[in-house]
N, C-alpha and C. Protein backbone atom coordinates (compact mmCIF):
# COMPACT_ATOMS: atom_id res chain seq x y z
N MET A 1 -0.74 -17.47 16.48
CA MET A 1 -1.48 -16.26 16.20
C MET A 1 -2.80 -16.66 15.54
N PRO A 2 -3.93 -16.18 16.05
CA PRO A 2 -5.22 -16.52 15.45
C PRO A 2 -5.28 -16.05 14.00
N LYS A 3 -6.07 -16.75 13.21
CA LYS A 3 -6.14 -16.46 11.78
C LYS A 3 -6.55 -15.02 11.49
N ASN A 4 -7.49 -14.46 12.27
CA ASN A 4 -7.94 -13.10 11.99
C ASN A 4 -6.89 -12.05 12.34
N ASP A 5 -5.84 -12.42 13.04
CA ASP A 5 -4.76 -11.50 13.37
C ASP A 5 -3.57 -11.65 12.41
N ALA A 6 -3.70 -12.51 11.41
CA ALA A 6 -2.57 -12.82 10.53
C ALA A 6 -2.05 -11.59 9.79
N ASN A 7 -2.90 -10.64 9.46
CA ASN A 7 -2.47 -9.47 8.72
C ASN A 7 -2.37 -8.22 9.58
N ARG A 8 -2.27 -8.40 10.88
CA ARG A 8 -2.18 -7.27 11.80
C ARG A 8 -0.77 -7.15 12.33
N PRO A 9 -0.30 -5.91 12.51
CA PRO A 9 1.03 -5.75 13.11
C PRO A 9 1.04 -6.22 14.55
N VAL A 10 2.22 -6.64 15.02
CA VAL A 10 2.34 -7.08 16.40
C VAL A 10 2.79 -5.96 17.32
N HIS A 11 3.32 -4.88 16.74
CA HIS A 11 3.77 -3.75 17.55
C HIS A 11 3.96 -2.54 16.66
N GLU A 12 3.80 -1.37 17.25
CA GLU A 12 4.02 -0.13 16.51
C GLU A 12 4.75 0.86 17.41
N VAL A 13 5.76 1.51 16.86
CA VAL A 13 6.48 2.57 17.54
C VAL A 13 6.14 3.85 16.81
N ARG A 14 5.69 4.85 17.56
CA ARG A 14 5.30 6.09 16.90
C ARG A 14 5.80 7.28 17.69
N TYR A 15 6.43 8.19 16.96
CA TYR A 15 6.86 9.48 17.50
C TYR A 15 6.27 10.55 16.59
N GLY A 16 5.23 11.21 17.06
CA GLY A 16 4.60 12.24 16.25
C GLY A 16 4.09 11.66 14.95
N SER A 17 4.56 12.19 13.84
CA SER A 17 4.08 11.74 12.53
C SER A 17 4.90 10.59 11.95
N VAL A 18 5.89 10.12 12.69
CA VAL A 18 6.76 9.04 12.22
C VAL A 18 6.36 7.74 12.91
N LYS A 19 6.19 6.69 12.13
CA LYS A 19 5.86 5.40 12.76
C LYS A 19 6.63 4.26 12.11
N VAL A 20 6.94 3.28 12.95
CA VAL A 20 7.56 2.03 12.52
C VAL A 20 6.62 0.92 12.96
N VAL A 21 6.20 0.11 12.01
CA VAL A 21 5.26 -0.97 12.29
C VAL A 21 6.00 -2.30 12.18
N ILE A 22 5.82 -3.16 13.18
CA ILE A 22 6.50 -4.46 13.22
C ILE A 22 5.48 -5.55 12.92
N TRP A 23 5.87 -6.42 11.99
CA TRP A 23 5.04 -7.53 11.54
C TRP A 23 5.73 -8.84 11.89
N LYS A 24 4.95 -9.82 12.29
CA LYS A 24 5.48 -11.16 12.58
C LYS A 24 5.10 -12.09 11.44
N ASN A 25 6.09 -12.76 10.88
CA ASN A 25 5.87 -13.69 9.78
C ASN A 25 6.35 -15.07 10.17
N GLU A 26 5.49 -16.05 9.95
CA GLU A 26 5.86 -17.44 10.21
C GLU A 26 6.59 -18.00 9.00
N THR A 27 7.72 -18.65 9.26
CA THR A 27 8.49 -19.28 8.19
C THR A 27 8.74 -20.73 8.56
N SER A 28 9.32 -21.47 7.65
CA SER A 28 9.64 -22.87 7.94
C SER A 28 10.71 -22.98 9.01
N ASN A 29 11.45 -21.91 9.26
CA ASN A 29 12.48 -21.89 10.31
C ASN A 29 12.01 -21.17 11.56
N GLY A 30 10.71 -21.01 11.73
CA GLY A 30 10.18 -20.29 12.88
C GLY A 30 9.74 -18.90 12.45
N HIS A 31 9.45 -18.06 13.43
CA HIS A 31 8.96 -16.73 13.07
C HIS A 31 10.09 -15.72 12.93
N MET A 32 9.81 -14.71 12.14
CA MET A 32 10.74 -13.60 11.97
C MET A 32 9.92 -12.32 11.96
N HIS A 33 10.59 -11.22 12.18
CA HIS A 33 9.92 -9.92 12.19
C HIS A 33 10.42 -9.06 11.04
N ASN A 34 9.52 -8.32 10.45
CA ASN A 34 9.83 -7.32 9.44
C ASN A 34 9.26 -5.99 9.90
N VAL A 35 9.80 -4.91 9.39
CA VAL A 35 9.29 -3.59 9.75
C VAL A 35 8.95 -2.79 8.50
N THR A 36 7.96 -1.93 8.64
CA THR A 36 7.66 -0.93 7.62
C THR A 36 7.70 0.42 8.31
N VAL A 37 8.06 1.45 7.56
CA VAL A 37 8.15 2.80 8.11
C VAL A 37 7.25 3.72 7.30
N ALA A 38 6.71 4.73 7.96
CA ALA A 38 5.85 5.69 7.28
C ALA A 38 5.84 7.00 8.04
N ARG A 39 5.54 8.04 7.29
CA ARG A 39 5.26 9.36 7.87
C ARG A 39 3.79 9.63 7.58
N ILE A 40 3.03 9.93 8.62
CA ILE A 40 1.61 10.18 8.41
C ILE A 40 1.37 11.68 8.35
N TYR A 41 0.38 12.05 7.54
CA TYR A 41 0.03 13.47 7.40
C TYR A 41 -1.43 13.57 7.00
N LYS A 42 -1.97 14.75 7.21
CA LYS A 42 -3.37 14.99 6.87
C LYS A 42 -3.45 15.83 5.61
N ASP A 43 -4.23 15.34 4.65
CA ASP A 43 -4.48 16.04 3.39
C ASP A 43 -5.95 16.41 3.38
N GLY A 44 -6.25 17.65 3.77
CA GLY A 44 -7.64 18.04 3.96
C GLY A 44 -8.20 17.34 5.17
N ASP A 45 -9.25 16.55 4.99
CA ASP A 45 -9.84 15.77 6.08
C ASP A 45 -9.36 14.34 6.11
N GLU A 46 -8.49 13.97 5.18
CA GLU A 46 -8.07 12.57 5.04
C GLU A 46 -6.64 12.37 5.53
N TRP A 47 -6.45 11.30 6.34
CA TRP A 47 -5.11 10.93 6.79
C TRP A 47 -4.45 10.07 5.72
N LYS A 48 -3.18 10.34 5.44
CA LYS A 48 -2.43 9.59 4.43
C LYS A 48 -1.07 9.21 5.00
N GLU A 49 -0.39 8.31 4.29
CA GLU A 49 0.95 7.88 4.68
C GLU A 49 1.91 8.10 3.52
N SER A 50 3.14 8.41 3.87
CA SER A 50 4.19 8.59 2.87
C SER A 50 5.42 7.81 3.30
N SER A 51 6.18 7.35 2.32
CA SER A 51 7.46 6.69 2.63
C SER A 51 8.61 7.69 2.53
N GLY A 52 8.30 8.95 2.27
CA GLY A 52 9.32 9.99 2.20
C GLY A 52 9.44 10.71 3.54
N PHE A 53 10.66 11.06 3.90
CA PHE A 53 10.91 11.73 5.17
C PHE A 53 11.73 12.98 4.93
N GLY A 54 11.41 14.04 5.66
CA GLY A 54 12.16 15.28 5.56
C GLY A 54 13.34 15.29 6.50
N ARG A 55 14.15 16.32 6.38
CA ARG A 55 15.35 16.47 7.21
C ARG A 55 15.01 16.35 8.70
N ASP A 56 13.93 16.98 9.13
CA ASP A 56 13.58 16.97 10.55
C ASP A 56 13.02 15.64 11.02
N ASP A 57 12.69 14.76 10.09
CA ASP A 57 12.17 13.43 10.44
C ASP A 57 13.26 12.39 10.63
N VAL A 58 14.44 12.63 10.12
CA VAL A 58 15.47 11.58 10.04
C VAL A 58 15.89 11.08 11.42
N LEU A 59 16.19 11.96 12.35
CA LEU A 59 16.60 11.50 13.68
C LEU A 59 15.44 10.87 14.44
N VAL A 60 14.23 11.37 14.22
CA VAL A 60 13.05 10.78 14.85
C VAL A 60 12.85 9.36 14.31
N LEU A 61 13.02 9.19 13.01
CA LEU A 61 12.91 7.86 12.41
C LEU A 61 13.97 6.93 12.96
N ALA A 62 15.19 7.44 13.13
CA ALA A 62 16.27 6.62 13.69
C ALA A 62 15.92 6.15 15.10
N ALA A 63 15.35 7.04 15.91
CA ALA A 63 14.97 6.67 17.28
C ALA A 63 13.86 5.61 17.26
N ALA A 64 12.89 5.78 16.38
CA ALA A 64 11.80 4.81 16.28
C ALA A 64 12.32 3.45 15.81
N LEU A 65 13.24 3.45 14.85
CA LEU A 65 13.84 2.19 14.39
C LEU A 65 14.65 1.52 15.49
N GLU A 66 15.36 2.31 16.29
CA GLU A 66 16.12 1.72 17.40
C GLU A 66 15.18 1.07 18.41
N ASP A 67 14.06 1.74 18.72
CA ASP A 67 13.09 1.15 19.64
C ASP A 67 12.49 -0.13 19.06
N ALA A 68 12.23 -0.15 17.76
CA ALA A 68 11.71 -1.36 17.11
C ALA A 68 12.73 -2.48 17.19
N PHE A 69 13.99 -2.16 16.95
CA PHE A 69 15.08 -3.14 17.04
C PHE A 69 15.12 -3.76 18.44
N LYS A 70 15.04 -2.91 19.46
CA LYS A 70 15.08 -3.40 20.85
C LYS A 70 13.87 -4.27 21.15
N TRP A 71 12.69 -3.88 20.66
CA TRP A 71 11.49 -4.66 20.91
C TRP A 71 11.59 -6.03 20.28
N ILE A 72 12.06 -6.09 19.03
CA ILE A 72 12.20 -7.37 18.34
C ILE A 72 13.16 -8.28 19.09
N HIS A 73 14.29 -7.74 19.52
CA HIS A 73 15.26 -8.56 20.22
C HIS A 73 14.77 -8.99 21.61
N ALA A 74 13.96 -8.18 22.24
CA ALA A 74 13.36 -8.58 23.53
C ALA A 74 12.39 -9.75 23.32
N GLN A 75 11.69 -9.78 22.18
CA GLN A 75 10.79 -10.89 21.90
C GLN A 75 11.56 -12.17 21.68
N LYS A 76 12.70 -12.08 21.04
CA LYS A 76 13.51 -13.27 20.81
C LYS A 76 14.10 -13.81 22.12
N ALA A 77 14.39 -12.91 23.05
CA ALA A 77 14.98 -13.31 24.33
C ALA A 77 13.94 -13.92 25.26
N ALA A 78 12.67 -13.60 25.04
CA ALA A 78 11.60 -14.08 25.94
C ALA A 78 11.28 -15.54 25.70
């Protein structure tokens, strides 16, 4: 991975306001993937992110996490 891409996610799964971001980290045992989750919302004219999810977000978050899981495992199989 080029140096300028070191702090960029390698993949993002997004369903509406719910997103799962996948990061690739190099370790002494090879690379591994980590994920972060967020709900995005607009506060006035500014877009913000929250780590809190409402009742209606939970199944959407689960679907996004499942897609992230599948993507990560597809990368390992390639």
